[in-house]
Amino acid sequence: MAQYPKSDAVPQMATGYPTGPPPPPSLGIQSQVPMKWSTGLCDCFDDVGNCCLTCWCPCITFGRIAEIVDRGTTSCGASGALYTLIAALTGCQCLYSCAYRSKLRALYGLPESPCNDCLVHCCCETCALCQAYRELQNQGFDVALGWHGNMERMQGGGMILPPPVQGAMMR
């Protein structure tokens, strides 16, 4: 049997409660626990205005999403025009937009649900664009303002943005 030295100090009992405040969040480090999408894929009518815009002119919704996800390195107009050109020439704009869904998921640690990003966009492009738009709104962006408009709005507001994703597609 092991002999331990005797001590006059009485060890503190563990209570299961933290002894102090939690450490502050580390900037630049994303949580390993995936977050959930703030709205479902088929919750398009949560924002009827965006739903109608996306049904009739998805290039605008896509352009706005791309500008925010790319942190202003591409403009809404350029992304929307490229989306329209791909749609007109090939009909495969869903392959372009699914890349932005992947980037958005990486930025916020969202799960690939309800299925693969490209499958979501190929089967339900309008719903996928609406969901991404709502996600950015629920993350605190006024998507219609674009990246630079949001940066001006947030200046001094203390909003913390997720770090850029390593290896993400950049323009």
N, C-alpha and C. Protein backbone atom coordinates (compact mmCIF):
# COMPACT_ATOMS: atom_id res chain seq x y z
N MET A 1 0.84 -1.17 0.00
CA MET A 1 0.00 0.00 0.00
C MET A 1 0.89 1.24 0.00
N ALA A 2 0.53 2.23 -0.84
CA ALA A 2 1.34 3.44 -0.97
C ALA A 2 1.15 4.33 0.25
N GLN A 3 2.25 4.92 0.66
CA GLN A 3 2.23 5.87 1.79
C GLN A 3 2.35 7.28 1.21
N TYR A 4 1.44 8.14 1.60
CA TYR A 4 1.47 9.52 1.16
C TYR A 4 1.88 10.38 2.33
N PRO A 5 2.67 11.43 2.07
CA PRO A 5 3.06 12.29 3.19
C PRO A 5 1.84 13.00 3.77
N LYS A 6 1.86 13.13 5.08
CA LYS A 6 0.75 13.81 5.74
C LYS A 6 0.91 15.32 5.56
N SER A 7 -0.19 15.99 5.39
CA SER A 7 -0.19 17.43 5.21
C SER A 7 -1.26 18.03 6.11
N ASP A 8 -0.93 19.22 6.62
CA ASP A 8 -1.91 19.91 7.46
C ASP A 8 -2.99 20.57 6.60
N ALA A 9 -2.69 20.83 5.32
CA ALA A 9 -3.65 21.49 4.45
C ALA A 9 -4.73 20.50 4.02
N VAL A 10 -5.94 20.92 4.09
CA VAL A 10 -7.06 20.08 3.68
C VAL A 10 -7.35 20.39 2.22
N PRO A 11 -7.32 19.35 1.37
CA PRO A 11 -7.62 19.63 -0.05
C PRO A 11 -9.06 20.08 -0.21
N GLN A 12 -9.26 20.97 -1.21
CA GLN A 12 -10.61 21.46 -1.46
C GLN A 12 -11.40 20.39 -2.20
N MET A 13 -12.64 20.30 -1.86
CA MET A 13 -13.51 19.32 -2.49
C MET A 13 -14.01 19.87 -3.82
N ALA A 14 -14.12 19.01 -4.81
CA ALA A 14 -14.68 19.40 -6.10
C ALA A 14 -16.20 19.45 -5.96
N THR A 15 -16.77 20.55 -6.44
CA THR A 15 -18.22 20.71 -6.34
C THR A 15 -18.92 20.55 -7.67
N GLY A 16 -18.15 20.58 -8.75
CA GLY A 16 -18.76 20.48 -10.07
C GLY A 16 -19.11 21.84 -10.65
N TYR A 17 -18.83 22.92 -9.92
CA TYR A 17 -19.10 24.26 -10.40
C TYR A 17 -17.78 24.95 -10.68
N PRO A 18 -17.69 25.75 -11.72
CA PRO A 18 -16.44 26.46 -11.99
C PRO A 18 -16.15 27.46 -10.87
N THR A 19 -14.88 27.68 -10.63
CA THR A 19 -14.48 28.60 -9.56
C THR A 19 -14.42 30.04 -10.01
N GLY A 20 -14.44 30.29 -11.26
CA GLY A 20 -14.37 31.66 -11.76
C GLY A 20 -15.13 31.78 -13.06
N PRO A 21 -15.08 32.97 -13.66
CA PRO A 21 -15.77 33.16 -14.94
C PRO A 21 -15.09 32.35 -16.03
N PRO A 22 -15.83 31.98 -17.08
CA PRO A 22 -15.22 31.23 -18.17
C PRO A 22 -14.18 32.09 -18.88
N PRO A 23 -13.19 31.47 -19.50
CA PRO A 23 -12.19 32.26 -20.21
C PRO A 23 -12.83 32.98 -21.40
N PRO A 24 -12.28 34.14 -21.78
CA PRO A 24 -12.85 34.85 -22.93
C PRO A 24 -12.65 34.04 -24.20
N PRO A 25 -13.55 34.23 -25.19
CA PRO A 25 -13.40 33.48 -26.43
C PRO A 25 -12.10 33.85 -27.12
N SER A 26 -11.46 32.88 -27.75
CA SER A 26 -10.22 33.12 -28.47
C SER A 26 -10.55 33.57 -29.87
N LEU A 27 -10.11 34.76 -30.22
CA LEU A 27 -10.36 35.26 -31.57
C LEU A 27 -9.52 34.47 -32.55
N GLY A 28 -10.08 34.16 -33.68
CA GLY A 28 -9.37 33.46 -34.72
C GLY A 28 -9.45 31.95 -34.60
N ILE A 29 -10.08 31.45 -33.55
CA ILE A 29 -10.22 30.01 -33.39
C ILE A 29 -11.71 29.68 -33.42
N GLN A 30 -12.08 28.83 -34.35
CA GLN A 30 -13.49 28.47 -34.46
C GLN A 30 -13.79 27.31 -33.54
N SER A 31 -15.00 27.25 -33.10
CA SER A 31 -15.47 26.17 -32.25
C SER A 31 -15.40 24.85 -33.01
N GLN A 32 -15.01 23.78 -32.31
CA GLN A 32 -14.98 22.47 -32.91
C GLN A 32 -16.37 21.84 -32.95
N VAL A 33 -17.29 22.40 -32.18
CA VAL A 33 -18.66 21.88 -32.14
C VAL A 33 -19.45 22.59 -33.24
N PRO A 34 -20.00 21.84 -34.20
CA PRO A 34 -20.74 22.50 -35.27
C PRO A 34 -21.98 23.21 -34.74
N MET A 35 -22.21 24.38 -35.26
CA MET A 35 -23.41 25.13 -34.93
C MET A 35 -24.54 24.56 -35.79
N LYS A 36 -25.76 25.02 -35.52
CA LYS A 36 -26.89 24.64 -36.36
C LYS A 36 -27.24 25.82 -37.26
N TRP A 37 -27.83 25.52 -38.41
CA TRP A 37 -28.37 26.58 -39.25
C TRP A 37 -29.45 27.28 -38.44
N SER A 38 -29.53 28.59 -38.53
CA SER A 38 -30.51 29.33 -37.75
C SER A 38 -31.93 29.13 -38.27
N THR A 39 -32.08 28.75 -39.52
CA THR A 39 -33.40 28.44 -40.10
C THR A 39 -33.27 27.20 -40.96
N GLY A 40 -34.39 26.57 -41.24
CA GLY A 40 -34.39 25.38 -42.07
C GLY A 40 -34.33 25.71 -43.55
N LEU A 41 -34.01 24.71 -44.33
CA LEU A 41 -33.91 24.88 -45.77
C LEU A 41 -35.23 25.34 -46.39
N CYS A 42 -36.34 24.84 -45.87
CA CYS A 42 -37.65 25.14 -46.45
C CYS A 42 -38.40 26.25 -45.71
N ASP A 43 -37.69 27.07 -44.95
CA ASP A 43 -38.31 28.18 -44.23
C ASP A 43 -38.29 29.46 -45.05
N CYS A 44 -38.45 29.33 -46.34
CA CYS A 44 -38.35 30.47 -47.26
C CYS A 44 -39.33 31.59 -46.92
N PHE A 45 -40.51 31.23 -46.43
CA PHE A 45 -41.53 32.26 -46.18
C PHE A 45 -41.31 32.99 -44.86
N ASP A 46 -40.20 32.68 -44.16
CA ASP A 46 -39.83 33.48 -42.98
C ASP A 46 -39.45 34.89 -43.41
N ASP A 47 -38.99 35.03 -44.66
CA ASP A 47 -38.64 36.33 -45.23
C ASP A 47 -39.25 36.37 -46.63
N VAL A 48 -40.51 36.76 -46.70
CA VAL A 48 -41.26 36.73 -47.97
C VAL A 48 -40.61 37.62 -49.03
N GLY A 49 -40.11 38.77 -48.63
CA GLY A 49 -39.48 39.67 -49.59
C GLY A 49 -38.28 39.03 -50.27
N ASN A 50 -37.41 38.43 -49.48
CA ASN A 50 -36.25 37.76 -50.07
C ASN A 50 -36.67 36.53 -50.86
N CYS A 51 -37.69 35.84 -50.41
CA CYS A 51 -38.19 34.67 -51.15
C CYS A 51 -38.64 35.09 -52.55
N CYS A 52 -39.39 36.16 -52.64
CA CYS A 52 -39.87 36.64 -53.95
C CYS A 52 -38.72 37.11 -54.82
N LEU A 53 -37.78 37.87 -54.23
CA LEU A 53 -36.62 38.34 -54.98
C LEU A 53 -35.83 37.16 -55.53
N THR A 54 -35.62 36.14 -54.69
CA THR A 54 -34.83 34.99 -55.10
C THR A 54 -35.55 34.17 -56.17
N CYS A 55 -36.86 34.07 -56.09
CA CYS A 55 -37.61 33.34 -57.12
C CYS A 55 -37.51 34.01 -58.47
N TRP A 56 -37.61 35.33 -58.49
CA TRP A 56 -37.65 36.05 -59.76
C TRP A 56 -36.28 36.50 -60.25
N CYS A 57 -35.34 36.71 -59.32
CA CYS A 57 -34.01 37.19 -59.73
C CYS A 57 -32.96 36.65 -58.76
N PRO A 58 -32.66 35.35 -58.85
CA PRO A 58 -31.72 34.75 -57.91
C PRO A 58 -30.30 35.33 -58.00
N CYS A 59 -29.99 35.94 -59.13
CA CYS A 59 -28.65 36.51 -59.28
C CYS A 59 -28.39 37.62 -58.26
N ILE A 60 -29.42 38.36 -57.88
CA ILE A 60 -29.25 39.43 -56.89
C ILE A 60 -28.99 38.82 -55.52
N THR A 61 -29.80 37.85 -55.13
CA THR A 61 -29.60 37.19 -53.84
C THR A 61 -28.22 36.55 -53.80
N PHE A 62 -27.85 35.83 -54.86
CA PHE A 62 -26.54 35.20 -54.88
C PHE A 62 -25.42 36.24 -54.79
N GLY A 63 -25.53 37.31 -55.55
CA GLY A 63 -24.50 38.35 -55.53
C GLY A 63 -24.32 38.95 -54.13
N ARG A 64 -25.41 39.19 -53.45
CA ARG A 64 -25.34 39.73 -52.08
C ARG A 64 -24.66 38.75 -51.14
N ILE A 65 -25.01 37.47 -51.25
CA ILE A 65 -24.40 36.44 -50.40
C ILE A 65 -22.90 36.36 -50.68
N ALA A 66 -22.54 36.31 -51.96
CA ALA A 66 -21.13 36.17 -52.36
C ALA A 66 -20.30 37.35 -51.85
N GLU A 67 -20.83 38.56 -51.93
CA GLU A 67 -20.08 39.73 -51.47
C GLU A 67 -19.78 39.63 -49.98
N ILE A 68 -20.74 39.21 -49.18
CA ILE A 68 -20.53 39.09 -47.73
C ILE A 68 -19.58 37.94 -47.43
N VAL A 69 -19.81 36.78 -48.04
CA VAL A 69 -18.96 35.62 -47.77
C VAL A 69 -17.52 35.87 -48.21
N ASP A 70 -17.33 36.59 -49.30
CA ASP A 70 -15.98 36.92 -49.79
C ASP A 70 -15.41 38.15 -49.10
N ARG A 71 -16.12 38.68 -48.12
CA ARG A 71 -15.65 39.83 -47.33
C ARG A 71 -15.30 41.03 -48.20
N GLY A 72 -16.11 41.26 -49.22
CA GLY A 72 -15.97 42.44 -50.05
C GLY A 72 -14.93 42.35 -51.14
N THR A 73 -14.26 41.19 -51.30
CA THR A 73 -13.27 41.07 -52.36
C THR A 73 -13.92 40.93 -53.73
N THR A 74 -15.18 40.53 -53.75
CA THR A 74 -15.96 40.53 -54.99
C THR A 74 -17.20 41.37 -54.74
N SER A 75 -17.68 42.00 -55.78
CA SER A 75 -18.87 42.84 -55.61
C SER A 75 -20.13 42.02 -55.88
N CYS A 76 -21.21 42.53 -55.36
CA CYS A 76 -22.51 41.91 -55.60
C CYS A 76 -22.80 41.85 -57.10
N GLY A 77 -22.53 42.94 -57.79
CA GLY A 77 -22.81 43.01 -59.22
C GLY A 77 -22.00 42.01 -60.04
N ALA A 78 -20.70 41.92 -59.74
CA ALA A 78 -19.84 41.00 -60.49
C ALA A 78 -20.24 39.54 -60.24
N SER A 79 -20.50 39.21 -58.98
CA SER A 79 -20.89 37.83 -58.65
C SER A 79 -22.25 37.49 -59.26
N GLY A 80 -23.19 38.43 -59.18
CA GLY A 80 -24.51 38.21 -59.75
C GLY A 80 -24.46 38.08 -61.26
N ALA A 81 -23.62 38.89 -61.91
CA ALA A 81 -23.48 38.81 -63.36
C ALA A 81 -22.87 37.49 -63.80
N LEU A 82 -21.85 37.03 -63.06
CA LEU A 82 -21.24 35.74 -63.38
C LEU A 82 -22.23 34.59 -63.17
N TYR A 83 -23.02 34.68 -62.10
CA TYR A 83 -24.07 33.69 -61.84
C TYR A 83 -25.04 33.64 -63.02
N THR A 84 -25.46 34.80 -63.51
CA THR A 84 -26.40 34.88 -64.63
C THR A 84 -25.78 34.32 -65.91
N LEU A 85 -24.51 34.65 -66.14
CA LEU A 85 -23.81 34.16 -67.33
C LEU A 85 -23.70 32.63 -67.30
N ILE A 86 -23.33 32.09 -66.15
CA ILE A 86 -23.24 30.63 -66.03
C ILE A 86 -24.61 29.99 -66.24
N ALA A 87 -25.65 30.62 -65.69
CA ALA A 87 -27.01 30.10 -65.86
C ALA A 87 -27.44 30.12 -67.33
N ALA A 88 -27.13 31.22 -68.01
CA ALA A 88 -27.55 31.36 -69.41
C ALA A 88 -26.79 30.41 -70.34
N LEU A 89 -25.49 30.22 -70.07
CA LEU A 89 -24.68 29.40 -70.97
C LEU A 89 -24.77 27.91 -70.69
N THR A 90 -24.87 27.54 -69.40
CA THR A 90 -24.80 26.12 -69.06
C THR A 90 -26.00 25.61 -68.27
N GLY A 91 -26.68 26.48 -67.57
CA GLY A 91 -27.76 26.05 -66.70
C GLY A 91 -27.25 25.40 -65.41
N CYS A 92 -25.95 25.50 -65.16
CA CYS A 92 -25.34 24.86 -63.99
C CYS A 92 -24.87 25.88 -62.95
N GLN A 93 -25.64 26.94 -62.78
CA GLN A 93 -25.28 27.95 -61.79
C GLN A 93 -25.25 27.38 -60.38
N CYS A 94 -25.95 26.27 -60.17
CA CYS A 94 -25.98 25.63 -58.86
C CYS A 94 -24.59 25.16 -58.44
N LEU A 95 -23.73 24.80 -59.39
CA LEU A 95 -22.38 24.38 -59.05
C LEU A 95 -21.55 25.56 -58.54
N TYR A 96 -21.81 26.73 -59.08
CA TYR A 96 -21.13 27.95 -58.63
C TYR A 96 -21.65 28.35 -57.24
N SER A 97 -22.95 28.32 -57.06
CA SER A 97 -23.51 28.77 -55.79
C SER A 97 -23.24 27.77 -54.66
N CYS A 98 -23.10 26.49 -54.98
CA CYS A 98 -22.84 25.52 -53.91
C CYS A 98 -21.47 25.75 -53.30
N ALA A 99 -20.54 26.29 -54.06
CA ALA A 99 -19.21 26.60 -53.51
C ALA A 99 -19.34 27.68 -52.43
N TYR A 100 -20.25 28.60 -52.60
CA TYR A 100 -20.45 29.65 -51.60
C TYR A 100 -21.19 29.12 -50.37
N ARG A 101 -22.03 28.13 -50.56
CA ARG A 101 -22.66 27.50 -49.39
C ARG A 101 -21.58 26.83 -48.54
N SER A 102 -20.63 26.17 -49.21
CA SER A 102 -19.54 25.52 -48.49
C SER A 102 -18.69 26.54 -47.74
N LYS A 103 -18.43 27.67 -48.37
CA LYS A 103 -17.65 28.72 -47.71
C LYS A 103 -18.41 29.30 -46.52
N LEU A 104 -19.70 29.50 -46.66
CA LEU A 104 -20.52 30.02 -45.57
C LEU A 104 -20.53 29.04 -44.40
N ARG A 105 -20.69 27.76 -44.72
CA ARG A 105 -20.67 26.74 -43.66
C ARG A 105 -19.34 26.75 -42.92
N ALA A 106 -18.24 26.89 -43.66
CA ALA A 106 -16.91 26.91 -43.05
C ALA A 106 -16.74 28.14 -42.14
N LEU A 107 -17.28 29.27 -42.57
CA LEU A 107 -17.16 30.50 -41.77
C LEU A 107 -17.84 30.37 -40.42
N TYR A 108 -18.98 29.72 -40.38
CA TYR A 108 -19.77 29.67 -39.16
C TYR A 108 -19.87 28.27 -38.54
N GLY A 109 -19.10 27.32 -39.05
CA GLY A 109 -19.11 25.98 -38.47
C GLY A 109 -20.45 25.28 -38.58
N LEU A 110 -21.12 25.48 -39.69
CA LEU A 110 -22.45 24.90 -39.89
C LEU A 110 -22.34 23.49 -40.48
N PRO A 111 -23.28 22.62 -40.14
CA PRO A 111 -23.22 21.26 -40.68
C PRO A 111 -23.65 21.22 -42.15
N GLU A 112 -23.17 20.20 -42.84
CA GLU A 112 -23.57 19.99 -44.22
C GLU A 112 -24.90 19.24 -44.18
N SER A 113 -25.98 20.02 -44.08
CA SER A 113 -27.30 19.41 -43.96
C SER A 113 -28.31 20.20 -44.77
N PRO A 114 -29.36 19.62 -45.22
CA PRO A 114 -29.79 18.26 -44.95
C PRO A 114 -28.99 17.21 -45.72
N CYS A 115 -28.17 17.64 -46.70
CA CYS A 115 -27.33 16.72 -47.45
C CYS A 115 -26.17 17.52 -48.04
N ASN A 116 -25.42 16.91 -48.92
CA ASN A 116 -24.28 17.53 -49.58
C ASN A 116 -24.64 18.89 -50.17
N ASP A 117 -23.71 19.87 -50.08
CA ASP A 117 -23.97 21.23 -50.54
C ASP A 117 -24.40 21.29 -52.01
N CYS A 118 -23.69 20.57 -52.87
CA CYS A 118 -24.05 20.61 -54.29
C CYS A 118 -25.42 19.99 -54.55
N LEU A 119 -25.74 18.95 -53.83
CA LEU A 119 -27.05 18.32 -53.97
C LEU A 119 -28.15 19.28 -53.52
N VAL A 120 -27.92 19.99 -52.42
CA VAL A 120 -28.89 20.98 -51.94
C VAL A 120 -29.14 22.03 -53.01
N HIS A 121 -28.06 22.54 -53.61
CA HIS A 121 -28.21 23.59 -54.62
C HIS A 121 -28.77 23.07 -55.94
N CYS A 122 -28.39 21.86 -56.33
CA CYS A 122 -28.91 21.31 -57.59
C CYS A 122 -30.39 20.97 -57.49
N CYS A 123 -30.83 20.51 -56.33
CA CYS A 123 -32.24 20.11 -56.17
C CYS A 123 -33.14 21.25 -55.73
N CYS A 124 -32.59 22.20 -55.01
CA CYS A 124 -33.43 23.26 -54.44
C CYS A 124 -32.65 24.57 -54.35
N GLU A 125 -32.25 25.06 -55.51
CA GLU A 125 -31.41 26.27 -55.59
C GLU A 125 -32.04 27.46 -54.87
N THR A 126 -33.30 27.72 -55.13
CA THR A 126 -33.96 28.88 -54.54
C THR A 126 -34.00 28.77 -53.02
N CYS A 127 -34.36 27.62 -52.50
CA CYS A 127 -34.41 27.43 -51.04
C CYS A 127 -33.03 27.57 -50.42
N ALA A 128 -32.00 27.03 -51.10
CA ALA A 128 -30.64 27.10 -50.58
C ALA A 128 -30.15 28.55 -50.52
N LEU A 129 -30.44 29.33 -51.56
CA LEU A 129 -30.03 30.74 -51.56
C LEU A 129 -30.77 31.52 -50.47
N CYS A 130 -32.06 31.25 -50.32
CA CYS A 130 -32.84 31.92 -49.27
C CYS A 130 -32.30 31.57 -47.88
N GLN A 131 -31.94 30.32 -47.67
CA GLN A 131 -31.41 29.91 -46.36
C GLN A 131 -30.07 30.59 -46.06
N ALA A 132 -29.21 30.66 -47.05
CA ALA A 132 -27.91 31.33 -46.86
C ALA A 132 -28.11 32.81 -46.56
N TYR A 133 -29.04 33.44 -47.26
CA TYR A 133 -29.34 34.86 -47.04
C TYR A 133 -29.84 35.08 -45.61
N ARG A 134 -30.78 34.22 -45.17
CA ARG A 134 -31.31 34.33 -43.79
C ARG A 134 -30.22 34.07 -42.76
N GLU A 135 -29.33 33.14 -43.05
CA GLU A 135 -28.24 32.84 -42.11
C GLU A 135 -27.35 34.06 -41.92
N LEU A 136 -27.02 34.72 -43.00
CA LEU A 136 -26.19 35.93 -42.88
C LEU A 136 -26.93 37.02 -42.12
N GLN A 137 -28.23 37.15 -42.36
CA GLN A 137 -29.02 38.13 -41.60
C GLN A 137 -29.01 37.78 -40.12
N ASN A 138 -29.19 36.51 -39.80
CA ASN A 138 -29.22 36.08 -38.41
C ASN A 138 -27.85 36.13 -37.75
N GLN A 139 -26.80 36.22 -38.55
CA GLN A 139 -25.45 36.41 -38.00
C GLN A 139 -25.17 37.90 -37.78
N GLY A 140 -26.13 38.76 -38.12
CA GLY A 140 -26.00 40.19 -37.84
C GLY A 140 -25.75 41.07 -39.04
N PHE A 141 -25.73 40.52 -40.23
CA PHE A 141 -25.50 41.32 -41.43
C PHE A 141 -26.81 41.85 -41.98
N ASP A 142 -26.76 43.08 -42.51
CA ASP A 142 -27.84 43.58 -43.35
C ASP A 142 -27.35 43.27 -44.77
N VAL A 143 -27.75 42.14 -45.30
CA VAL A 143 -27.18 41.60 -46.53
C VAL A 143 -27.33 42.59 -47.69
N ALA A 144 -28.41 43.34 -47.72
CA ALA A 144 -28.64 44.29 -48.81
C ALA A 144 -27.60 45.42 -48.82
N LEU A 145 -26.96 45.69 -47.67
CA LEU A 145 -25.95 46.75 -47.62
C LEU A 145 -24.62 46.32 -48.23
N GLY A 146 -24.39 45.03 -48.36
CA GLY A 146 -23.10 44.55 -48.85
C GLY A 146 -22.05 44.59 -47.75
N TRP A 147 -20.86 44.12 -48.09
CA TRP A 147 -19.78 44.02 -47.10
C TRP A 147 -19.37 45.39 -46.57
N HIS A 148 -19.09 46.33 -47.46
CA HIS A 148 -18.59 47.62 -47.03
C HIS A 148 -19.64 48.41 -46.24
N GLY A 149 -20.88 48.32 -46.65
CA GLY A 149 -21.95 48.97 -45.90
C GLY A 149 -22.08 48.40 -44.50
N ASN A 150 -21.92 47.11 -44.36
CA ASN A 150 -21.97 46.48 -43.04
C ASN A 150 -20.77 46.87 -42.19
N MET A 151 -19.60 47.01 -42.82
CA MET A 151 -18.41 47.41 -42.06
C MET A 151 -18.57 48.83 -41.52
N GLU A 152 -19.15 49.71 -42.32
CA GLU A 152 -19.42 51.07 -41.84
C GLU A 152 -20.43 51.05 -40.71
N ARG A 153 -21.46 50.23 -40.85
CA ARG A 153 -22.50 50.13 -39.83
C ARG A 153 -21.94 49.56 -38.53
N MET A 154 -21.02 48.60 -38.64
CA MET A 154 -20.50 47.93 -37.46
C MET A 154 -19.33 48.66 -36.80
N GLN A 155 -18.79 49.65 -37.50
CA GLN A 155 -17.65 50.36 -36.95
C GLN A 155 -18.01 50.91 -35.57
N GLY A 156 -17.24 50.52 -34.60
CA GLY A 156 -17.52 50.95 -33.23
C GLY A 156 -18.59 50.13 -32.55
N GLY A 157 -19.23 49.22 -33.27
CA GLY A 157 -20.28 48.39 -32.68
C GLY A 157 -19.75 47.17 -31.96
N GLY A 158 -18.47 46.85 -32.16
CA GLY A 158 -17.86 45.73 -31.47
C GLY A 158 -18.29 44.36 -31.96
N MET A 159 -18.87 44.27 -33.15
CA MET A 159 -19.27 42.95 -33.65
C MET A 159 -18.02 42.18 -34.07
N ILE A 160 -17.91 40.95 -33.64
CA ILE A 160 -16.77 40.11 -33.96
C ILE A 160 -17.15 39.22 -35.13
N LEU A 161 -16.34 39.29 -36.17
CA LEU A 161 -16.58 38.49 -37.37
C LEU A 161 -15.70 37.25 -37.32
N PRO A 162 -16.15 36.16 -37.91
CA PRO A 162 -15.31 34.96 -37.93
C PRO A 162 -14.08 35.21 -38.77
N PRO A 163 -12.98 34.50 -38.47
CA PRO A 163 -11.76 34.70 -39.24
C PRO A 163 -11.92 34.16 -40.66
N PRO A 164 -11.09 34.67 -41.58
CA PRO A 164 -11.14 34.11 -42.94
C PRO A 164 -10.80 32.63 -42.90
N VAL A 165 -11.39 31.88 -43.81
CA VAL A 165 -11.17 30.44 -43.87
C VAL A 165 -9.92 30.16 -44.67
N GLN A 166 -9.01 29.35 -44.12
CA GLN A 166 -7.81 28.96 -44.85
C GLN A 166 -8.18 28.03 -45.97
N GLY A 167 -7.66 28.27 -47.14
CA GLY A 167 -7.91 27.38 -48.27
C GLY A 167 -9.22 27.58 -48.96
N ALA A 168 -10.00 28.59 -48.54
CA ALA A 168 -11.29 28.85 -49.18
C ALA A 168 -11.05 29.51 -50.53
N MET A 169 -12.00 29.36 -51.41
CA MET A 169 -11.90 29.97 -52.74
C MET A 169 -11.89 31.48 -52.58
N MET A 170 -10.93 32.13 -53.16
CA MET A 170 -10.86 33.59 -53.12
C MET A 170 -10.81 34.10 -54.53
N ARG A 171 -11.31 35.26 -54.74
CA ARG A 171 -11.29 35.89 -56.06
C ARG A 171 -10.23 36.94 -56.07
